[in-house]
């Protein structure tokens, strides 16, 4: 084999890698859009539609995990899987008051904890809606779930190279909990 043949082989290999990355990024965009739509449906009270959307995302999750593992591109699956966890966890909390565990969602650890931190913000939105609808007990329930997530993850302290963005998300979650608590107290005066 000469240099030209070797470079041609490298080119073909990189071309396959590029095609794999393009497929993964396309799937990633689809999953992020679906998660956003499902969360919007939940906030508008359309739980059946949201549940259907999240069920479709289960299939997307399986494909994303398979594609990214086969192609050695797990890094590109973190964001869409994080969005999936956020939608799935919010659905679980609103529907049955339960936060799904990592193994139930079938995702790696990193997107699981990152997605849980994002759920805190969505619960804050649900608290505001509950307050405006005069459902103070429901607001209390959502605040308890926010605290449960934060308390369970409080001991996680790693650099951004291990768990990118997590510490910032923790700080934001803590501020959202304090704000939600203040909103609930203000609504009772």
Protein backbone atom coordinates (compact mmCIF):
# COMPACT_ATOMS: atom_id res chain seq x y z
CA UNK A 1 0.00 0.00 0.00
CA UNK A 2 1.33 3.42 -0.86
CA UNK A 3 0.61 6.80 0.73
CA UNK A 4 -2.13 7.69 -1.75
CA UNK A 5 -4.02 4.43 -1.07
CA UNK A 6 -3.65 4.93 2.66
CA UNK A 7 -5.00 8.50 2.48
CA UNK A 8 -7.93 7.29 0.35
CA UNK A 9 -8.74 4.71 3.03
CA UNK A 10 -8.58 7.39 5.72
CA UNK A 11 -10.84 9.62 3.63
CA UNK A 12 -13.42 6.84 3.28
CA UNK A 13 -13.31 6.16 7.01
CA UNK A 14 -13.78 9.84 7.84
CA UNK A 15 -16.62 10.08 5.32
CA UNK A 16 -18.45 7.23 7.12
CA UNK A 17 -17.83 8.97 10.44
CA UNK A 18 -19.23 12.23 9.05
CA UNK A 19 -22.34 10.45 7.80
CA UNK A 20 -22.83 8.83 11.20
CA UNK A 21 -22.47 12.16 12.95
CA UNK A 22 -24.97 13.77 10.57
CA UNK A 23 -27.52 11.02 11.33
CA UNK A 24 -26.97 11.38 15.08
CA UNK A 25 -27.27 15.17 14.98
CA UNK A 26 -30.49 14.93 12.93
CA UNK A 27 -31.95 12.48 15.46
CA UNK A 28 -30.76 14.77 18.25
CA UNK A 29 -32.63 17.75 16.81
CA UNK A 30 -35.78 15.63 16.45
CA UNK A 31 -35.59 14.47 20.08
CA UNK A 32 -35.02 18.00 21.41
CA UNK A 33 -38.02 19.30 19.43
CA UNK A 34 -40.20 16.43 20.63
CA UNK A 35 -39.21 17.00 24.26
CA UNK A 36 -39.96 20.69 23.98
CA UNK A 37 -43.35 20.00 22.45
CA UNK A 38 -44.19 17.36 25.07
CA UNK A 39 -43.31 19.76 27.89
CA UNK A 40 -45.40 22.50 26.30
CA UNK A 41 -48.32 20.07 26.06
CA UNK A 42 -47.91 19.18 29.76
CA UNK A 43 -47.89 22.82 30.80
CA UNK A 44 -51.09 23.40 28.82
CA UNK A 45 -52.77 20.44 30.54
CA UNK A 46 -52.86 18.18 27.48
CA UNK A 47 -51.46 15.18 29.33
CA UNK A 48 -52.71 12.48 26.94
CA UNK A 49 -51.07 14.22 23.98
CA UNK A 50 -47.89 14.74 26.00
CA UNK A 51 -47.83 11.08 27.06
CA UNK A 52 -48.17 10.02 23.42
CA UNK A 53 -45.30 12.28 22.43
CA UNK A 54 -43.11 10.93 25.24
CA UNK A 55 -43.92 7.36 24.15
CA UNK A 56 -42.67 8.23 20.67
CA UNK A 57 -39.53 9.57 22.32
CA UNK A 58 -38.93 6.15 23.89
CA UNK A 59 -38.29 4.81 20.39
CA UNK A 60 -36.12 7.81 19.55
CA UNK A 61 -34.09 7.17 22.72
CA UNK A 62 -33.46 3.57 21.73
CA UNK A 63 -32.31 4.59 18.26
CA UNK A 64 -30.11 7.38 19.63
CA UNK A 65 -28.40 5.05 22.09
CA UNK A 66 -27.84 2.42 19.42
CA UNK A 67 -26.50 4.84 16.82
CA UNK A 68 -24.21 6.74 19.15
CA UNK A 69 -22.77 3.55 20.68
CA UNK A 70 -22.16 1.85 17.33
CA UNK A 71 -20.41 4.90 15.97
CA UNK A 72 -18.49 5.81 19.13
CA UNK A 73 -20.25 9.17 19.40
CA UNK A 74 -21.88 8.96 22.81
CA UNK A 75 -20.97 12.61 23.45
CA UNK A 76 -23.54 13.72 20.87
CA UNK A 77 -26.31 11.81 22.61
CA UNK A 78 -26.05 13.60 25.97
CA UNK A 79 -28.14 16.68 25.07
CA UNK A 80 -31.09 14.86 23.45
CA UNK A 81 -31.14 12.22 26.19
CA UNK A 82 -31.06 14.97 28.81
CA UNK A 83 -34.13 16.54 27.15
CA UNK A 84 -35.78 13.13 27.07
CA UNK A 85 -35.18 12.70 30.81
CA UNK A 86 -36.61 16.16 31.47
CA UNK A 87 -39.82 15.39 29.56
CA UNK A 88 -40.18 11.87 30.97
CA UNK A 89 -39.55 12.98 34.56
CA UNK A 90 -41.97 15.90 34.31
CA UNK A 91 -44.62 13.56 32.95
CA UNK A 92 -44.01 11.13 35.82
CA UNK A 93 -44.25 13.85 38.44
CA UNK A 94 -47.40 15.45 37.03
CA UNK A 95 -49.13 12.15 36.22
CA UNK A 96 -48.37 10.09 39.30
CA UNK A 97 -46.21 12.17 41.63
CA UNK A 98 -43.17 10.01 40.99
CA UNK A 99 -39.69 10.77 39.66
CA UNK A 100 -38.57 7.93 37.38
CA UNK A 101 -35.22 6.33 38.18
CA UNK A 102 -32.29 6.09 35.78
CA UNK A 103 -32.76 2.41 35.03
CA UNK A 104 -36.45 2.95 34.25
CA UNK A 105 -35.53 5.53 31.65
CA UNK A 106 -32.73 3.47 30.16
CA UNK A 107 -30.29 6.34 29.79
CA UNK A 108 -26.68 6.87 30.91
CA UNK A 109 -25.99 8.59 34.23
CA UNK A 110 -24.85 11.96 32.88
CA UNK A 111 -27.97 12.85 30.87
CA UNK A 112 -30.10 11.48 33.71
CA UNK A 113 -28.81 13.86 36.38
CA UNK A 114 -28.57 16.79 33.95
CA UNK A 115 -32.16 16.24 32.84
CA UNK A 116 -33.38 16.01 36.43
CA UNK A 117 -31.86 19.40 37.19
CA UNK A 118 -33.79 20.87 34.26
CA UNK A 119 -37.05 19.44 35.61
CA UNK A 120 -36.70 21.77 38.59
CA UNK A 121 -37.35 24.76 36.32
CA UNK A 122 -40.36 23.10 34.74
CA UNK A 123 -41.78 22.40 38.20
CA UNK A 124 -41.34 26.07 39.08
CA UNK A 125 -43.55 26.88 36.11
CA UNK A 126 -46.12 24.33 37.32
CA UNK A 127 -46.04 25.95 40.78
CA UNK A 128 -46.83 29.36 39.30
CA UNK A 129 -49.71 27.85 37.33
CA UNK A 130 -50.98 26.07 40.45
CA UNK A 131 -50.87 29.29 42.46
CA UNK A 132 -52.74 31.22 39.79
CA UNK A 133 -55.38 28.45 39.67
CA UNK A 134 -55.79 28.47 43.45
CA UNK A 135 -54.32 24.98 43.88
CA UNK A 136 -51.95 25.64 46.76
CA UNK A 137 -51.65 21.98 47.78
CA UNK A 138 -50.49 21.09 44.27
CA UNK A 139 -47.94 23.91 44.44
CA UNK A 140 -46.67 22.43 47.71
CA UNK A 141 -46.38 19.01 46.06
CA UNK A 142 -44.32 20.40 43.19
CA UNK A 143 -42.09 22.32 45.60
CA UNK A 144 -41.48 19.08 47.52
CA UNK A 145 -40.43 17.38 44.26
CA UNK A 146 -38.08 20.25 43.44
CA UNK A 147 -36.48 19.86 46.86
CA UNK A 148 -36.31 16.08 46.51
CA UNK A 149 -34.36 16.39 43.26
CA UNK A 150 -32.05 19.06 44.64
CA UNK A 151 -31.42 17.26 47.93
CA UNK A 152 -30.71 13.96 46.16
CA UNK A 153 -28.17 15.61 43.85
CA UNK A 154 -26.64 18.08 46.29
CA UNK A 155 -23.61 15.88 46.98
CA UNK A 156 -22.66 15.59 43.31
CA UNK A 157 -19.58 17.75 42.82
CA UNK A 158 -17.48 17.12 39.75
CA UNK A 159 -15.64 19.27 37.27
CA UNK A 160 -17.25 20.26 33.99
CA UNK A 161 -14.98 17.81 32.21
CA UNK A 162 -16.77 14.95 34.02
CA UNK A 163 -20.30 16.38 34.17
CA UNK A 164 -20.56 19.44 31.91
CA UNK A 165 -22.82 22.22 33.17
CA UNK A 166 -24.07 20.36 36.23
CA UNK A 167 -22.77 22.73 38.90
CA UNK A 168 -24.37 25.70 37.15
CA UNK A 169 -27.64 23.76 36.91
CA UNK A 170 -27.44 23.03 40.65
CA UNK A 171 -27.02 26.72 41.43
CA UNK A 172 -29.96 27.61 39.17
CA UNK A 173 -32.10 24.88 40.77
CA UNK A 174 -31.36 26.19 44.26
CA UNK A 175 -32.38 29.71 43.19
CA UNK A 176 -35.57 28.39 41.57
CA UNK A 177 -36.50 26.51 44.74
CA UNK A 178 -35.99 29.61 46.86
CA UNK A 179 -38.03 31.67 44.42
CA UNK A 180 -40.83 29.08 44.27
CA UNK A 181 -40.97 28.90 48.05
CA UNK A 182 -41.22 32.69 48.19
CA UNK A 183 -43.99 32.66 45.56
CA UNK A 184 -45.97 30.09 47.54
CA UNK A 185 -45.60 32.04 50.79
CA UNK A 186 -46.61 35.29 49.08
CA UNK A 187 -49.71 33.67 47.62
CA UNK A 188 -50.93 32.79 51.13
CA UNK A 189 -50.79 36.27 52.56
